Structures are given as C-alpha cells and as structure tokens.
C-alpha cells in the first residue's frame, strides 16, 4: 500500500522547521495510532504527530505536523 500525501503550506513549513521528511509523515499516517477529530484524524508515531484528512483511499491532505 503506497500512501500519497499532499501538504498544505502550513504543514510544509512545519515539516521543514522540524527537520522532517515526507517519508516520516507517510510512516506516521500509515503506522501511527489515530484519533478521530472534527475534520479528519490525528496520527501519532514515535515523536511525530500529523493532523490530516483522507481525500480518497491512500490520498491524504496534511494540515499540520509537529514533534513532541
């Protein structure tokens, strides 16, 4: 299963600021624990959290990314 991510400007800025790759984001969505939010999901994997929504199967729009 291949995952396609579309990064919003805010998510891409946060990704660069935190030194994360698109692969890190894909792994978080694919393998992380998921919590349902009002408009999408929050995935958590290792030290990364990704807020996203599913546009269609295996295609995700990433709203924000952060480390904790």
PDB file of N, CA and C in Angstrom:
ATOM      1  N   UNK A   1       0.845  -1.184   0.000  1.00  0.00           N
ATOM      2  CA  UNK A   1       0.000   0.000   0.000  1.00  0.00           C
ATOM      3  C   UNK A   1       0.886   1.241   0.000  1.00  0.00           C
ATOM      4  N   UNK A   2       0.763   2.030  -1.033  1.00  0.00           N
ATOM      5  CA  UNK A   2       1.522   3.272  -1.127  1.00  0.00           C
ATOM      6  C   UNK A   2       0.626   4.417  -0.689  1.00  0.00           C
ATOM      7  N   UNK A   3       1.202   5.317   0.092  1.00  0.00           N
ATOM      8  CA  UNK A   3       0.464   6.456   0.622  1.00  0.00           C
ATOM      9  C   UNK A   3       0.903   7.715  -0.116  1.00  0.00           C
ATOM     10  N   UNK A   4      -0.061   8.521  -0.549  1.00  0.00           N
ATOM     11  CA  UNK A   4       0.230   9.805  -1.184  1.00  0.00           C
ATOM     12  C   UNK A   4      -0.184  10.913  -0.226  1.00  0.00           C
ATOM     13  N   UNK A   5       0.747  11.835   0.031  1.00  0.00           N
ATOM     14  CA  UNK A   5       0.428  12.954   0.916  1.00  0.00           C
ATOM     15  C   UNK A   5       0.497  14.258   0.139  1.00  0.00           C
ATOM     16  N   UNK A   6      -0.465  15.120   0.404  1.00  0.00           N
ATOM     17  CA  UNK A   6      -0.496  16.472  -0.143  1.00  0.00           C
ATOM     18  C   UNK A   6      -0.342  17.398   1.053  1.00  0.00           C
ATOM     19  N   UNK A   7       0.710  18.182   1.051  1.00  0.00           N
ATOM     20  CA  UNK A   7       0.996  19.050   2.180  1.00  0.00           C
ATOM     21  C   UNK A   7       0.453  20.453   1.944  1.00  0.00           C
ATOM     22  N   UNK A   8      -0.290  20.962   2.906  1.00  0.00           N
ATOM     23  CA  UNK A   8      -0.687  22.363   2.882  1.00  0.00           C
ATOM     24  C   UNK A   8       0.535  23.223   3.183  1.00  0.00           C
ATOM     25  N   UNK A   9       0.465  24.499   2.938  1.00  0.00           N
ATOM     26  CA  UNK A   9       1.614  25.389   3.166  1.00  0.00           C
ATOM     27  C   UNK A   9       2.060  25.344   4.618  1.00  0.00           C
ATOM     28  N   UNK A  10       1.108  25.404   5.550  1.00  0.00           N
ATOM     29  CA  UNK A  10       1.458  25.369   6.968  1.00  0.00           C
ATOM     30  C   UNK A  10       2.170  24.061   7.321  1.00  0.00           C
ATOM     31  N   UNK A  11       1.647  22.940   6.838  1.00  0.00           N
ATOM     32  CA  UNK A  11       2.255  21.641   7.127  1.00  0.00           C
ATOM     33  C   UNK A  11       3.665  21.551   6.547  1.00  0.00           C
ATOM     34  N   UNK A  12       3.856  22.061   5.341  1.00  0.00           N
ATOM     35  CA  UNK A  12       5.181  22.003   4.727  1.00  0.00           C
ATOM     36  C   UNK A  12       6.165  22.901   5.478  1.00  0.00           C
ATOM     37  N   UNK A  13       5.709  24.076   5.907  1.00  0.00           N
ATOM     38  CA  UNK A  13       6.578  24.956   6.697  1.00  0.00           C
ATOM     39  C   UNK A  13       6.981  24.295   8.003  1.00  0.00           C
ATOM     40  N   UNK A  14       6.028  23.665   8.697  1.00  0.00           N
ATOM     41  CA  UNK A  14       6.317  22.987   9.959  1.00  0.00           C
ATOM     42  C   UNK A  14       7.228  21.781   9.744  1.00  0.00           C
ATOM     43  N   UNK A  15       7.031  21.086   8.635  1.00  0.00           N
ATOM     44  CA  UNK A  15       7.870  19.928   8.310  1.00  0.00           C
ATOM     45  C   UNK A  15       9.323  20.359   8.182  1.00  0.00           C
ATOM     46  N   UNK A  16       9.556  21.424   7.440  1.00  0.00           N
ATOM     47  CA  UNK A  16      10.915  21.927   7.233  1.00  0.00           C
ATOM     48  C   UNK A  16      11.501  22.437   8.547  1.00  0.00           C
ATOM     49  N   UNK A  17      10.709  23.184   9.306  1.00  0.00           N
ATOM     50  CA  UNK A  17      11.159  23.733  10.580  1.00  0.00           C
ATOM     51  C   UNK A  17      11.590  22.639  11.554  1.00  0.00           C
ATOM     52  N   UNK A  18      10.864  21.517  11.546  1.00  0.00           N
ATOM     53  CA  UNK A  18      11.160  20.414  12.464  1.00  0.00           C
ATOM     54  C   UNK A  18      12.110  19.372  11.883  1.00  0.00           C
ATOM     55  N   UNK A  19      12.579  19.583  10.656  1.00  0.00           N
ATOM     56  CA  UNK A  19      13.540  18.663  10.045  1.00  0.00           C
ATOM     57  C   UNK A  19      12.962  17.306   9.712  1.00  0.00           C
ATOM     58  N   UNK A  20      11.701  17.267   9.298  1.00  0.00           N
ATOM     59  CA  UNK A  20      11.045  16.008   8.957  1.00  0.00           C
ATOM     60  C   UNK A  20      10.985  15.825   7.444  1.00  0.00           C
ATOM     61  N   UNK A  21      10.926  14.586   7.019  1.00  0.00           N
ATOM     62  CA  UNK A  21      10.807  14.282   5.591  1.00  0.00           C
ATOM     63  C   UNK A  21       9.369  13.866   5.289  1.00  0.00           C
ATOM     64  N   UNK A  22       9.045  13.820   4.006  1.00  0.00           N
ATOM     65  CA  UNK A  22       7.725  13.326   3.606  1.00  0.00           C
ATOM     66  C   UNK A  22       7.571  11.859   3.995  1.00  0.00           C
ATOM     67  N   UNK A  23       8.668  11.106   3.981  1.00  0.00           N
ATOM     68  CA  UNK A  23       8.627   9.700   4.388  1.00  0.00           C
ATOM     69  C   UNK A  23       8.245   9.581   5.861  1.00  0.00           C
ATOM     70  N   UNK A  24       8.753  10.487   6.708  1.00  0.00           N
ATOM     71  CA  UNK A  24       8.380  10.489   8.128  1.00  0.00           C
ATOM     72  C   UNK A  24       6.868  10.680   8.270  1.00  0.00           C
ATOM     73  N   UNK A  25       6.321  11.592   7.489  1.00  0.00           N
ATOM     74  CA  UNK A  25       4.884  11.867   7.538  1.00  0.00           C
ATOM     75  C   UNK A  25       4.088  10.656   7.051  1.00  0.00           C
ATOM     76  N   UNK A  26       4.538  10.039   5.966  1.00  0.00           N
ATOM     77  CA  UNK A  26       3.859   8.852   5.441  1.00  0.00           C
ATOM     78  C   UNK A  26       3.870   7.717   6.457  1.00  0.00           C
ATOM     79  N   UNK A  27       5.007   7.490   7.122  1.00  0.00           N
ATOM     80  CA  UNK A  27       5.097   6.436   8.141  1.00  0.00           C
ATOM     81  C   UNK A  27       4.150   6.718   9.296  1.00  0.00           C
ATOM     82  N   UNK A  28       4.053   7.984   9.692  1.00  0.00           N
ATOM     83  CA  UNK A  28       3.162   8.351  10.799  1.00  0.00           C
ATOM     84  C   UNK A  28       1.712   8.063  10.440  1.00  0.00           C
ATOM     85  N   UNK A  29       1.313   8.411   9.234  1.00  0.00           N
ATOM     86  CA  UNK A  29      -0.065   8.151   8.799  1.00  0.00           C
ATOM     87  C   UNK A  29      -0.311   6.649   8.662  1.00  0.00           C
ATOM     88  N   UNK A  30       0.651   5.935   8.118  1.00  0.00           N
ATOM     89  CA  UNK A  30       0.481   4.513   7.838  1.00  0.00           C
ATOM     90  C   UNK A  30       0.517   3.652   9.103  1.00  0.00           C
ATOM     91  N   UNK A  31       1.450   3.921  10.003  1.00  0.00           N
ATOM     92  CA  UNK A  31       1.669   3.046  11.148  1.00  0.00           C
ATOM     93  C   UNK A  31       1.221   3.622  12.495  1.00  0.00           C
ATOM     94  N   UNK A  32       0.957   4.918  12.550  1.00  0.00           N
ATOM     95  CA  UNK A  32       0.661   5.561  13.825  1.00  0.00           C
ATOM     96  C   UNK A  32      -0.738   5.295  14.348  1.00  0.00           C
ATOM     97  N   UNK A  33      -0.882   5.523  15.637  1.00  0.00           N
ATOM     98  CA  UNK A  33      -2.198   5.457  16.256  1.00  0.00           C
ATOM     99  C   UNK A  33      -3.017   6.652  15.814  1.00  0.00           C
ATOM    100  N   UNK A  34      -4.301   6.448  15.599  1.00  0.00           N
ATOM    101  CA  UNK A  34      -5.146   7.510  15.048  1.00  0.00           C
ATOM    102  C   UNK A  34      -6.266   7.885  16.011  1.00  0.00           C
ATOM    103  N   UNK A  35      -6.500   9.185  16.115  1.00  0.00           N
ATOM    104  CA  UNK A  35      -7.603   9.725  16.908  1.00  0.00           C
ATOM    105  C   UNK A  35      -8.484  10.525  15.960  1.00  0.00           C
ATOM    106  N   UNK A  36      -9.785  10.230  15.974  1.00  0.00           N
ATOM    107  CA  UNK A  36     -10.735  10.958  15.116  1.00  0.00           C
ATOM    108  C   UNK A  36     -10.893  12.373  15.638  1.00  0.00           C
ATOM    109  N   UNK A  37     -10.822  13.341  14.726  1.00  0.00           N
ATOM    110  CA  UNK A  37     -11.057  14.732  15.056  1.00  0.00           C
ATOM    111  C   UNK A  37     -12.278  15.222  14.282  1.00  0.00           C
ATOM    112  N   UNK A  38     -12.656  16.470  14.498  1.00  0.00           N
ATOM    113  CA  UNK A  38     -13.839  17.022  13.848  1.00  0.00           C
ATOM    114  C   UNK A  38     -13.763  16.882  12.333  1.00  0.00           C
ATOM    115  N   UNK A  39     -12.628  17.247  11.757  1.00  0.00           N
ATOM    116  CA  UNK A  39     -12.472  17.192  10.296  1.00  0.00           C
ATOM    117  C   UNK A  39     -11.198  16.436   9.944  1.00  0.00           C
ATOM    118  N   UNK A  40     -11.173  15.139  10.227  1.00  0.00           N
ATOM    119  CA  UNK A  40     -10.015  14.330   9.888  1.00  0.00           C
ATOM    120  C   UNK A  40      -9.507  13.521  11.065  1.00  0.00           C
ATOM    121  N   UNK A  41      -8.184  13.314  11.098  1.00  0.00           N
ATOM    122  CA  UNK A  41      -7.557  12.464  12.099  1.00  0.00           C
ATOM    123  C   UNK A  41      -6.272  13.101  12.606  1.00  0.00           C
ATOM    124  N   UNK A  42      -5.843  12.645  13.785  1.00  0.00           N
ATOM    125  CA  UNK A  42      -4.548  12.998  14.337  1.00  0.00           C
ATOM    126  C   UNK A  42      -3.801  11.690  14.526  1.00  0.00           C
ATOM    127  N   UNK A  43      -2.704  11.519  13.792  1.00  0.00           N
ATOM    128  CA  UNK A  43      -1.896  10.307  13.892  1.00  0.00           C
ATOM    129  C   UNK A  43      -0.649  10.602  14.708  1.00  0.00           C
ATOM    130  N   UNK A  44      -0.256   9.633  15.539  1.00  0.00           N
ATOM    131  CA  UNK A  44       0.912   9.784  16.386  1.00  0.00           C
ATOM    132  C   UNK A  44       1.801   8.559  16.231  1.00  0.00           C
ATOM    133  N   UNK A  45       3.071   8.787  15.905  1.00  0.00           N
ATOM    134  CA  UNK A  45       4.021   7.693  15.703  1.00  0.00           C
ATOM    135  C   UNK A  45       5.406   8.188  16.103  1.00  0.00           C
ATOM    136  N   UNK A  46       6.070   7.464  16.953  1.00  0.00           N
ATOM    137  CA  UNK A  46       7.339   7.856  17.582  1.00  0.00           C
ATOM    138  C   UNK A  46       7.174   9.243  18.194  1.00  0.00           C
ATOM    139  N   UNK A  47       7.907  10.229  17.735  1.00  0.00           N
ATOM    140  CA  UNK A  47       7.856  11.582  18.304  1.00  0.00           C
ATOM    141  C   UNK A  47       7.116  12.560  17.389  1.00  0.00           C
ATOM    142  N   UNK A  48       6.382  12.055  16.407  1.00  0.00           N
ATOM    143  CA  UNK A  48       5.734  12.894  15.393  1.00  0.00           C
ATOM    144  C   UNK A  48       4.218  12.793  15.507  1.00  0.00           C
ATOM    145  N   UNK A  49       3.540  13.917  15.336  1.00  0.00           N
ATOM    146  CA  UNK A  49       2.073  13.941  15.222  1.00  0.00           C
ATOM    147  C   UNK A  49       1.706  14.638  13.913  1.00  0.00           C
ATOM    148  N   UNK A  50       0.707  14.083  13.241  1.00  0.00           N
ATOM    149  CA  UNK A  50       0.265  14.608  11.948  1.00  0.00           C
ATOM    150  C   UNK A  50      -1.257  14.755  11.977  1.00  0.00           C
ATOM    151  N   UNK A  51      -1.742  15.960  11.703  1.00  0.00           N
ATOM    152  CA  UNK A  51      -3.183  16.197  11.551  1.00  0.00           C
ATOM    153  C   UNK A  51      -3.489  16.180  10.059  1.00  0.00           C
ATOM    154  N   UNK A  52      -4.426  15.326   9.670  1.00  0.00           N
ATOM    155  CA  UNK A  52      -4.699  15.153   8.241  1.00  0.00           C
ATOM    156  C   UNK A  52      -6.144  14.750   8.018  1.00  0.00           C
ATOM    157  N   UNK A  53      -6.548  14.794   6.746  1.00  0.00           N
ATOM    158  CA  UNK A  53      -7.838  14.216   6.368  1.00  0.00           C
ATOM    159  C   UNK A  53      -7.663  13.405   5.095  1.00  0.00           C
ATOM    160  N   UNK A  54      -8.477  12.381   4.969  1.00  0.00           N
ATOM    161  CA  UNK A  54      -8.387  11.479   3.824  1.00  0.00           C
ATOM    162  C   UNK A  54      -9.246  12.026   2.696  1.00  0.00           C
ATOM    163  N   UNK A  55      -8.615  12.272   1.544  1.00  0.00           N
ATOM    164  CA  UNK A  55      -9.346  12.783   0.386  1.00  0.00           C
ATOM    165  C   UNK A  55      -9.981  11.633  -0.396  1.00  0.00           C
ATOM    166  N   UNK A  56      -9.241  10.553  -0.567  1.00  0.00           N
ATOM    167  CA  UNK A  56      -9.714   9.311  -1.160  1.00  0.00           C
ATOM    168  C   UNK A  56      -8.787   8.212  -0.657  1.00  0.00           C
ATOM    169  N   UNK A  57      -9.067   6.962  -0.911  1.00  0.00           N
ATOM    170  CA  UNK A  57      -8.210   5.906  -0.353  1.00  0.00           C
ATOM    171  C   UNK A  57      -6.725   6.123  -0.681  1.00  0.00           C
ATOM    172  N   UNK A  58      -5.926   6.147   0.379  1.00  0.00           N
ATOM    173  CA  UNK A  58      -4.464   6.298   0.296  1.00  0.00           C
ATOM    174  C   UNK A  58      -4.002   7.663  -0.212  1.00  0.00           C
ATOM    175  N   UNK A  59      -4.873   8.653  -0.220  1.00  0.00           N
ATOM    176  CA  UNK A  59      -4.504  10.031  -0.565  1.00  0.00           C
ATOM    177  C   UNK A  59      -4.928  10.922   0.601  1.00  0.00           C
ATOM    178  N   UNK A  60      -3.958  11.626   1.193  1.00  0.00           N
ATOM    179  CA  UNK A  60      -4.209  12.382   2.405  1.00  0.00           C
ATOM    180  C   UNK A  60      -3.750  13.829   2.259  1.00  0.00           C
ATOM    181  N   UNK A  61      -4.553  14.737   2.795  1.00  0.00           N
ATOM    182  CA  UNK A  61      -4.179  16.150   2.863  1.00  0.00           C
ATOM    183  C   UNK A  61      -3.700  16.406   4.282  1.00  0.00           C
ATOM    184  N   UNK A  62      -2.444  16.839   4.416  1.00  0.00           N
ATOM    185  CA  UNK A  62      -1.838  17.072   5.724  1.00  0.00           C
ATOM    186  C   UNK A  62      -2.019  18.538   6.094  1.00  0.00           C
ATOM    187  N   UNK A  63      -2.669  18.772   7.247  1.00  0.00           N
ATOM    188  CA  UNK A  63      -2.941  20.129   7.720  1.00  0.00           C
ATOM    189  C   UNK A  63      -1.774  20.684   8.519  1.00  0.00           C
ATOM    190  N   UNK A  64      -1.236  19.870   9.429  1.00  0.00           N
ATOM    191  CA  UNK A  64      -0.082  20.309  10.212  1.00  0.00           C
ATOM    192  C   UNK A  64       0.708  19.098  10.703  1.00  0.00           C
ATOM    193  N   UNK A  65       1.950  19.371  11.056  1.00  0.00           N
ATOM    194  CA  UNK A  65       2.879  18.348  11.544  1.00  0.00           C
ATOM    195  C   UNK A  65       3.616  18.943  12.721  1.00  0.00           C
ATOM    196  N   UNK A  66       3.802  18.162  13.774  1.00  0.00           N
ATOM    197  CA  UNK A  66       4.637  18.658  14.876  1.00  0.00           C
ATOM    198  C   UNK A  66       5.308  17.516  15.609  1.00  0.00           C
ATOM    199  N   UNK A  67       6.347  17.859  16.331  1.00  0.00           N
ATOM    200  CA  UNK A  67       7.085  16.888  17.146  1.00  0.00           C
ATOM    201  C   UNK A  67       6.790  17.175  18.601  1.00  0.00           C
ATOM    202  N   UNK A  68       6.882  16.135  19.430  1.00  0.00           N
ATOM    203  CA  UNK A  68       6.650  16.318  20.860  1.00  0.00           C
ATOM    204  C   UNK A  68       7.651  15.547  21.660  1.00  0.00           C
TER     205      UNK A  68
END
